[in-house]
C-alpha atoms as a PDB file:
ATOM      1  CA  MET A   1     -13.725  -9.424  -9.613  1.00  0.00           C
ATOM      2  CA  SER A   2     -16.413  -7.007 -10.770  1.00  0.00           C
ATOM      3  CA  SER A   3     -16.996  -3.451 -11.867  1.00  0.00           C
ATOM      4  CA  VAL A   4     -18.056  -0.907  -9.273  1.00  0.00           C
ATOM      5  CA  ASP A   5     -21.482  -0.475 -10.874  1.00  0.00           C
ATOM      6  CA  SER A   6     -22.246  -4.214 -10.874  1.00  0.00           C
ATOM      7  CA  HIS A   7     -20.970  -4.846  -7.349  1.00  0.00           C
ATOM      8  CA  PRO A   8     -23.655  -5.608  -4.701  1.00  0.00           C
ATOM      9  CA  GLU A   9     -21.938  -3.141  -2.324  1.00  0.00           C
ATOM     10  CA  LYS A  10     -21.425  -0.430  -4.935  1.00  0.00           C
ATOM     11  CA  ASN A  11     -22.781   2.366  -2.733  1.00  0.00           C
ATOM     12  CA  VAL A  12     -20.345   1.562   0.081  1.00  0.00           C
ATOM     13  CA  ILE A  13     -17.482   1.226  -2.413  1.00  0.00           C
ATOM     14  CA  ARG A  14     -18.254   4.631  -3.928  1.00  0.00           C
ATOM     15  CA  VAL A  15     -18.096   6.221  -0.472  1.00  0.00           C
ATOM     16  CA  GLN A  16     -14.783   4.460   0.216  1.00  0.00           C
ATOM     17  CA  LEU A  17     -13.343   5.666  -3.086  1.00  0.00           C
ATOM     18  CA  ALA A  18     -14.482   9.219  -2.358  1.00  0.00           C
ATOM     19  CA  HIS A  19     -12.455   9.144   0.881  1.00  0.00           C
ATOM     20  CA  ASN A  20      -9.300   7.687  -0.656  1.00  0.00           C
ATOM     21  CA  ILE A  21      -6.166   9.782  -0.120  1.00  0.00           C
ATOM     22  CA  VAL A  22      -5.659  10.195  -3.879  1.00  0.00           C
ATOM     23  CA  LEU A  23      -9.262  10.416  -5.061  1.00  0.00           C
ATOM     24  CA  LYS A  24     -10.901  12.574  -2.383  1.00  0.00           C
ATOM     25  CA  GLY A  25     -10.150  15.802  -4.215  1.00  0.00           C
ATOM     26  CA  MET A  26     -11.812  14.673  -7.436  1.00  0.00           C
ATOM     27  CA  THR A  27     -14.987  16.205  -8.822  1.00  0.00           C
ATOM     28  CA  ALA A  28     -18.097  14.107  -9.402  1.00  0.00           C
ATOM     29  CA  ALA A  29     -17.463  14.289 -13.159  1.00  0.00           C
ATOM     30  CA  GLN A  30     -13.900  13.022 -12.747  1.00  0.00           C
ATOM     31  CA  MET A  31     -15.104  10.120 -10.602  1.00  0.00           C
ATOM     32  CA  VAL A  32     -17.712   9.243 -13.207  1.00  0.00           C
ATOM     33  CA  GLU A  33     -14.937   9.222 -15.818  1.00  0.00           C
ATOM     34  CA  LEU A  34     -12.651   6.999 -13.713  1.00  0.00           C
ATOM     35  CA  GLU A  35     -15.155   4.507 -12.306  1.00  0.00           C
ATOM     36  CA  PRO A  36     -15.727   2.403 -15.470  1.00  0.00           C
ATOM     37  CA  HIS A  37     -11.991   1.621 -15.529  1.00  0.00           C
ATOM     38  CA  LEU A  38     -12.004   0.211 -11.981  1.00  0.00           C
ATOM     39  CA  GLU A  39     -12.335  -3.442 -11.011  1.00  0.00           C
ATOM     40  CA  VAL A  40     -13.146  -4.459  -7.436  1.00  0.00           C
ATOM     41  CA  VAL A  41     -11.116  -7.403  -6.167  1.00  0.00           C
ATOM     42  CA  ASP A  42     -11.341  -9.317  -2.883  1.00  0.00           C
ATOM     43  CA  CYS A  43      -8.005 -10.722  -1.710  1.00  0.00           C
ATOM     44  CA  GLN A  44      -7.297 -13.512   0.742  1.00  0.00           C
ATOM     45  CA  LYS A  45      -4.602 -13.160   3.397  1.00  0.00           C
ATOM     46  CA  GLY A  46      -1.180 -13.616   1.793  1.00  0.00           C
ATOM     47  CA  GLU A  47      -2.442 -13.199  -1.778  1.00  0.00           C
ATOM     48  CA  ALA A  48      -0.202 -11.344  -4.215  1.00  0.00           C
ATOM     49  CA  LEU A  49      -1.677  -8.438  -6.140  1.00  0.00           C
ATOM     50  CA  LEU A  50       1.608  -7.625  -7.863  1.00  0.00           C
ATOM     51  CA  ASN A  51       4.755  -9.714  -8.292  1.00  0.00           C
ATOM     52  CA  GLN A  52       8.287  -8.346  -8.260  1.00  0.00           C
ATOM     53  CA  GLY A  53       9.995  -8.231 -11.654  1.00  0.00           C
ATOM     54  CA  VAL A  54       6.970  -7.883 -13.937  1.00  0.00           C
ATOM     55  CA  HIS A  55       6.178  -5.203 -16.510  1.00  0.00           C
ATOM     56  CA  GLU A  56       2.376  -5.460 -16.339  1.00  0.00           C
ATOM     57  CA  MET A  57       1.458  -2.982 -13.599  1.00  0.00           C
ATOM     58  CA  GLU A  58      -1.716  -1.763 -11.947  1.00  0.00           C
ATOM     59  CA  GLN A  59      -2.844   1.057  -9.663  1.00  0.00           C
ATOM     60  CA  TYR A  60      -4.570  -0.010  -6.433  1.00  0.00           C
ATOM     61  CA  PHE A  61      -6.960   1.917  -4.179  1.00  0.00           C
ATOM     62  CA  ILE A  62      -7.407   0.098  -0.873  1.00  0.00           C
ATOM     63  CA  LEU A  63     -11.034  -0.219   0.240  1.00  0.00           C
ATOM     64  CA  ASP A  64     -10.611  -2.639   3.163  1.00  0.00           C
ATOM     65  CA  GLY A  65      -7.748  -4.463   4.855  1.00  0.00           C
ATOM     66  CA  VAL A  66      -3.985  -4.109   5.029  1.00  0.00           C
ATOM     67  CA  LEU A  67      -1.409  -4.589   2.250  1.00  0.00           C
ATOM     68  CA  LYS A  68       2.380  -4.742   2.340  1.00  0.00           C
ATOM     69  CA  ARG A  69       5.129  -3.878  -0.125  1.00  0.00           C
ATOM     70  CA  VAL A  70       7.897  -6.501  -0.129  1.00  0.00           C
ATOM     71  CA  VAL A  71      11.247  -6.790  -1.896  1.00  0.00           C
ATOM     72  CA  THR A  72      12.957 -10.173  -2.280  1.00  0.00           C
ATOM     73  CA  ASN A  73      16.628 -10.804  -3.080  1.00  0.00           C
ATOM     74  CA  ALA A  74      18.175 -13.625  -5.115  1.00  0.00           C
ATOM     75  CA  GLU A  75      18.399 -15.816  -1.974  1.00  0.00           C
ATOM     76  CA  ALA A  76      14.630 -15.353  -1.425  1.00  0.00           C
ATOM     77  CA  LYS A  77      15.184 -13.208   1.675  1.00  0.00           C
ATOM     78  CA  GLU A  78      12.337 -10.735   2.084  1.00  0.00           C
ATOM     79  CA  MET A  79      12.242  -7.178   3.374  1.00  0.00           C
ATOM     80  CA  ILE A  80       8.947  -5.418   4.076  1.00  0.00           C
ATOM     81  CA  LEU A  81       9.139  -1.819   2.856  1.00  0.00           C
ATOM     82  CA  ARG A  82       5.763  -0.518   4.025  1.00  0.00           C
ATOM     83  CA  PHE A  83       2.252  -1.364   5.160  1.00  0.00           C
ATOM     84  CA  THR A  84      -0.871   0.354   3.822  1.00  0.00           C
ATOM     85  CA  GLU A  85      -4.516   0.211   4.844  1.00  0.00           C
ATOM     86  CA  GLU A  86      -7.934   1.304   3.615  1.00  0.00           C
ATOM     87  CA  GLY A  87      -8.096   4.867   2.422  1.00  0.00           C
ATOM     88  CA  ASP A  88      -4.572   4.657   1.039  1.00  0.00           C
ATOM     89  CA  MET A  89      -3.203   3.364  -2.255  1.00  0.00           C
ATOM     90  CA  GLU A  90      -0.475   1.150  -3.672  1.00  0.00           C
ATOM     91  CA  THR A  91       1.348   1.721  -6.927  1.00  0.00           C
ATOM     92  CA  SER A  92       4.389   0.969  -9.039  1.00  0.00           C
ATOM     93  CA  TYR A  93       4.100   4.313 -10.823  1.00  0.00           C
ATOM     94  CA  ALA A  94       7.813   5.151 -10.583  1.00  0.00           C
ATOM     95  CA  ALA A  95       8.805   1.865 -12.255  1.00  0.00           C
ATOM     96  CA  TRP A  96       6.194   2.455 -14.963  1.00  0.00           C
ATOM     97  CA  ARG A  97       7.576   5.919 -15.687  1.00  0.00           C
ATOM     98  CA  LEU A  98      11.154   4.609 -15.760  1.00  0.00           C
ATOM     99  CA  GLY A  99      10.224   1.666 -17.987  1.00  0.00           C
ATOM    100  CA  THR A 100      11.684  -0.828 -15.500  1.00  0.00           C
ATOM    101  CA  PRO A 101      10.184  -4.001 -14.004  1.00  0.00           C
ATOM    102  CA  THR A 102       8.421  -3.728 -10.654  1.00  0.00           C
ATOM    103  CA  PRO A 103      11.109  -3.606  -7.929  1.00  0.00           C
ATOM    104  CA  TYR A 104       8.802  -5.139  -5.293  1.00  0.00           C
ATOM    105  CA  SER A 105       5.701  -7.254  -4.728  1.00  0.00           C
ATOM    106  CA  ILE A 106       2.429  -6.112  -3.194  1.00  0.00           C
ATOM    107  CA  LEU A 107       0.632  -8.663  -1.002  1.00  0.00           C
ATOM    108  CA  SER A 108      -2.367  -8.696   1.309  1.00  0.00           C
ATOM    109  CA  VAL A 109      -1.535  -8.955   5.022  1.00  0.00           C
ATOM    110  CA  THR A 110      -5.186  -9.445   5.973  1.00  0.00           C
ATOM    111  CA  LYS A 111      -8.281 -10.156   3.939  1.00  0.00           C
ATOM    112  CA  ALA A 112      -8.532  -7.093   1.747  1.00  0.00           C
ATOM    113  CA  ARG A 113     -10.580  -5.426  -0.956  1.00  0.00           C
ATOM    114  CA  VAL A 114      -9.108  -3.112  -3.556  1.00  0.00           C
ATOM    115  CA  ALA A 115     -10.282  -1.196  -6.588  1.00  0.00           C
ATOM    116  CA  LYS A 116      -7.683  -1.451  -9.350  1.00  0.00           C
ATOM    117  CA  LEU A 117      -7.039  -0.444 -12.923  1.00  0.00           C
ATOM    118  CA  PRO A 118      -4.183  -0.998 -15.392  1.00  0.00           C
ATOM    119  CA  MET A 119      -1.356   1.499 -14.934  1.00  0.00           C
ATOM    120  CA  ARG A 120      -1.653   2.479 -18.594  1.00  0.00           C
ATOM    121  CA  GLU A 121      -5.249   3.626 -18.037  1.00  0.00           C
ATOM    122  CA  TRP A 122      -4.418   5.378 -14.755  1.00  0.00           C
ATOM    123  CA  VAL A 123      -1.546   7.303 -16.367  1.00  0.00           C
ATOM    124  CA  ALA A 124      -3.794   8.312 -19.271  1.00  0.00           C
ATOM    125  CA  PHE A 125      -6.372   9.580 -16.760  1.00  0.00           C
ATOM    126  CA  LEU A 126      -3.684  11.566 -14.913  1.00  0.00           C
ATOM    127  CA  GLU A 127      -2.524  13.181 -18.146  1.00  0.00           C
ATOM    128  CA  ARG A 128      -6.068  14.464 -18.691  1.00  0.00           C
ATOM    129  CA  HIS A 129      -6.222  15.889 -15.159  1.00  0.00           C
ATOM    130  CA  PRO A 130      -2.996  17.715 -14.227  1.00  0.00           C
ATOM    131  CA  GLY A 131      -4.243  18.702 -10.760  1.00  0.00           C
ATOM    132  CA  ILE A 132      -4.853  15.070  -9.778  1.00  0.00           C
ATOM    133  CA  LYS A 133      -1.536  14.082 -11.340  1.00  0.00           C
ATOM    134  CA  GLN A 134       0.325  16.641  -9.234  1.00  0.00           C
ATOM    135  CA  SER A 135      -1.383  15.480  -6.029  1.00  0.00           C
ATOM    136  CA  PHE A 136      -0.796  11.802  -6.878  1.00  0.00           C
ATOM    137  CA  GLU A 137       2.896  12.306  -7.668  1.00  0.00           C
ATOM    138  CA  TYR A 138       3.300  14.151  -4.363  1.00  0.00           C
ATOM    139  CA  SER A 139       1.797  11.116  -2.574  1.00  0.00           C
ATOM    140  CA  VAL A 140       4.230   8.826  -4.408  1.00  0.00           C
ATOM    141  CA  MET A 141       7.162  10.990  -3.305  1.00  0.00           C
ATOM    142  CA  GLN A 142       5.902  10.943   0.279  1.00  0.00           C
ATOM    143  CA  GLU A 143       5.772   7.137   0.156  1.00  0.00           C
ATOM    144  CA  MET A 144       9.331   6.926  -1.142  1.00  0.00           C
ATOM    145  CA  SER A 145      10.528   9.353   1.524  1.00  0.00           C
ATOM    146  CA  GLU A 146       8.847   7.318   4.279  1.00  0.00           C
ATOM    147  CA  ILE A 147      10.403   4.080   3.005  1.00  0.00           C
ATOM    148  CA  MET A 148      13.829   5.715   2.972  1.00  0.00           C
ATOM    149  CA  ALA A 149      13.301   7.023   6.511  1.00  0.00           C
ATOM    150  CA  HIS A 150      12.257   3.545   7.684  1.00  0.00           C
ATOM    151  CA  THR A 151      15.327   1.936   6.089  1.00  0.00           C
ATOM    152  CA  ILE A 152      17.601   4.449   7.824  1.00  0.00           C
ATOM    153  CA  THR A 153      15.771   3.815  11.105  1.00  0.00           C
ATOM    154  CA  LEU A 154      16.634   0.111  10.916  1.00  0.00           C
ATOM    155  CA  HIS A 155      20.319   1.051  11.060  1.00  0.00           C
ATOM    156  CA  LEU A 156      20.229   3.976  13.489  1.00  0.00           C
ATOM    157  CA  LEU A 157      17.738   2.992  16.212  1.00  0.00           C
ATOM    158  CA  ASP A 158      17.764   0.113  18.684  1.00  0.00           C
ATOM    159  CA  ALA A 159      14.848  -2.332  18.886  1.00  0.00           C
ATOM    160  CA  PRO A 160      12.700  -0.291  21.329  1.00  0.00           C
ATOM    161  CA  GLY A 161      13.363   2.849  19.294  1.00  0.00           C
ATOM    162  CA  ARG A 162      12.233   1.190  16.074  1.00  0.00           C
ATOM    163  CA  PHE A 163       8.973   0.055  17.607  1.00  0.00           C
ATOM    164  CA  LYS A 164       8.305   3.408  19.273  1.00  0.00           C
ATOM    165  CA  ARG A 165       8.767   5.144  15.932  1.00  0.00           C
ATOM    166  CA  PHE A 166       6.332   2.738  14.254  1.00  0.00           C
ATOM    167  CA  VAL A 167       3.680   3.297  16.941  1.00  0.00           C
ATOM    168  CA  ARG A 168       4.136   7.051  16.655  1.00  0.00           C
ATOM    169  CA  LYS A 169       3.883   7.006  12.860  1.00  0.00           C
ATOM    170  CA  HIS A 170       1.198   4.303  12.473  1.00  0.00           C
ATOM    171  CA  PRO A 171      -0.773   3.920  15.730  1.00  0.00           C
ATOM    172  CA  GLU A 172      -3.770   2.572  13.813  1.00  0.00           C
ATOM    173  CA  LEU A 173      -1.791  -0.365  12.404  1.00  0.00           C
ATOM    174  CA  GLN A 174       0.011  -1.824  15.410  1.00  0.00           C
ATOM    175  CA  ASP A 175      -2.887  -4.105  16.445  1.00  0.00           C
ATOM    176  CA  ARG A 176      -3.838  -5.078  12.877  1.00  0.00           C
ATOM    177  CA  ILE A 177      -0.536  -6.507  11.712  1.00  0.00           C
ATOM    178  CA  PRO A 178       0.407 -10.063  12.760  1.00  0.00           C
ATOM    179  CA  LYS A 179       3.309 -10.116  15.212  1.00  0.00           C
ATOM    180  CA  LYS A 180       5.528 -12.057  12.813  1.00  0.00           C
ATOM    181  CA  GLU A 181       4.944  -9.494  10.041  1.00  0.00           C
ATOM    182  CA  LEU A 182       5.587  -6.523  12.308  1.00  0.00           C
ATOM    183  CA  ALA A 183       8.749  -8.132  13.706  1.00  0.00           C
ATOM    184  CA  SER A 184      10.019  -8.692  10.163  1.00  0.00           C
ATOM    185  CA  TYR A 185       9.302  -5.067   9.225  1.00  0.00           C
ATOM    186  CA  LEU A 186      11.262  -3.880  12.271  1.00  0.00           C
ATOM    187  CA  ASN A 187      14.067  -6.408  11.659  1.00  0.00           C
ATOM    188  CA  LEU A 188      13.396  -8.223  14.934  1.00  0.00           C
ATOM    189  CA  SER A 189      12.526 -11.789  15.843  1.00  0.00           C
ATOM    190  CA  ALA A 190       8.948 -12.321  17.002  1.00  0.00           C
ATOM    191  CA  GLU A 191      10.364 -13.458  20.353  1.00  0.00           C
ATOM    192  CA  THR A 192      12.325 -10.217  20.784  1.00  0.00           C
ATOM    193  CA  LEU A 193       9.258  -8.151  19.945  1.00  0.00           C
ATOM    194  CA  SER A 194       7.169 -10.069  22.509  1.00  0.00           C
ATOM    195  CA  ARG A 195       9.875  -9.779  25.156  1.00  0.00           C
ATOM    196  CA  LEU A 196      10.197  -6.044  24.670  1.00  0.00           C
ATOM    197  CA  LYS A 197       6.429  -5.568  24.912  1.00  0.00           C
ATOM    198  CA  LYS A 198       6.204  -7.629  28.097  1.00  0.00           C
ATOM    199  CA  SER A 199       9.160  -5.892  29.698  1.00  0.00           C
ATOM    200  CA  GLY A 200       7.455  -2.530  29.392  1.00  0.00           C
ATOM    201  CA  LYS A 201      10.421  -1.043  27.538  1.00  0.00           C
ATOM    202  CA  ILE A 202       8.171  -0.168  24.625  1.00  0.00           C
END
């Protein structure tokens, strides 16, 4: 873990941050203000960045790799809510605003690198910059809408339909996510997913 300025790849990281979905509209002065609050973290495959049920929250900007948002019930059964990759972000902003514990975990699907800061500091930054806050909150609402649409899809579409929708929505992710993870997200067994692919029905 290191600051952006002290990182050996700081120039690359600054370019990646400048292209992030949330940060790309920021001015140079705003980026200079935000950067000292950021920590760069390298994550191993399967590592948890955020655990379900905690109150200490952070904002994540994904620099490399793929993350997933997962909810677990009392019987330890998991449901993957979404995948995200570099250029995107992960957050528990809604829970922070509501004063509730995090309703899900955030884990790395592949080796990943993120820039993060405490949610308290991110919210304070947003309050100083209403334009960024508005754009960020719109992104959060889009995420929630997509998760709701995916959940409905699990009930309304058959197995080929679920996969076709995923490929249409996230063509860049289909070859980056392990088969077992993708099957879980689509509520299929890995065997069913393989069979459908081989049959040419997808």
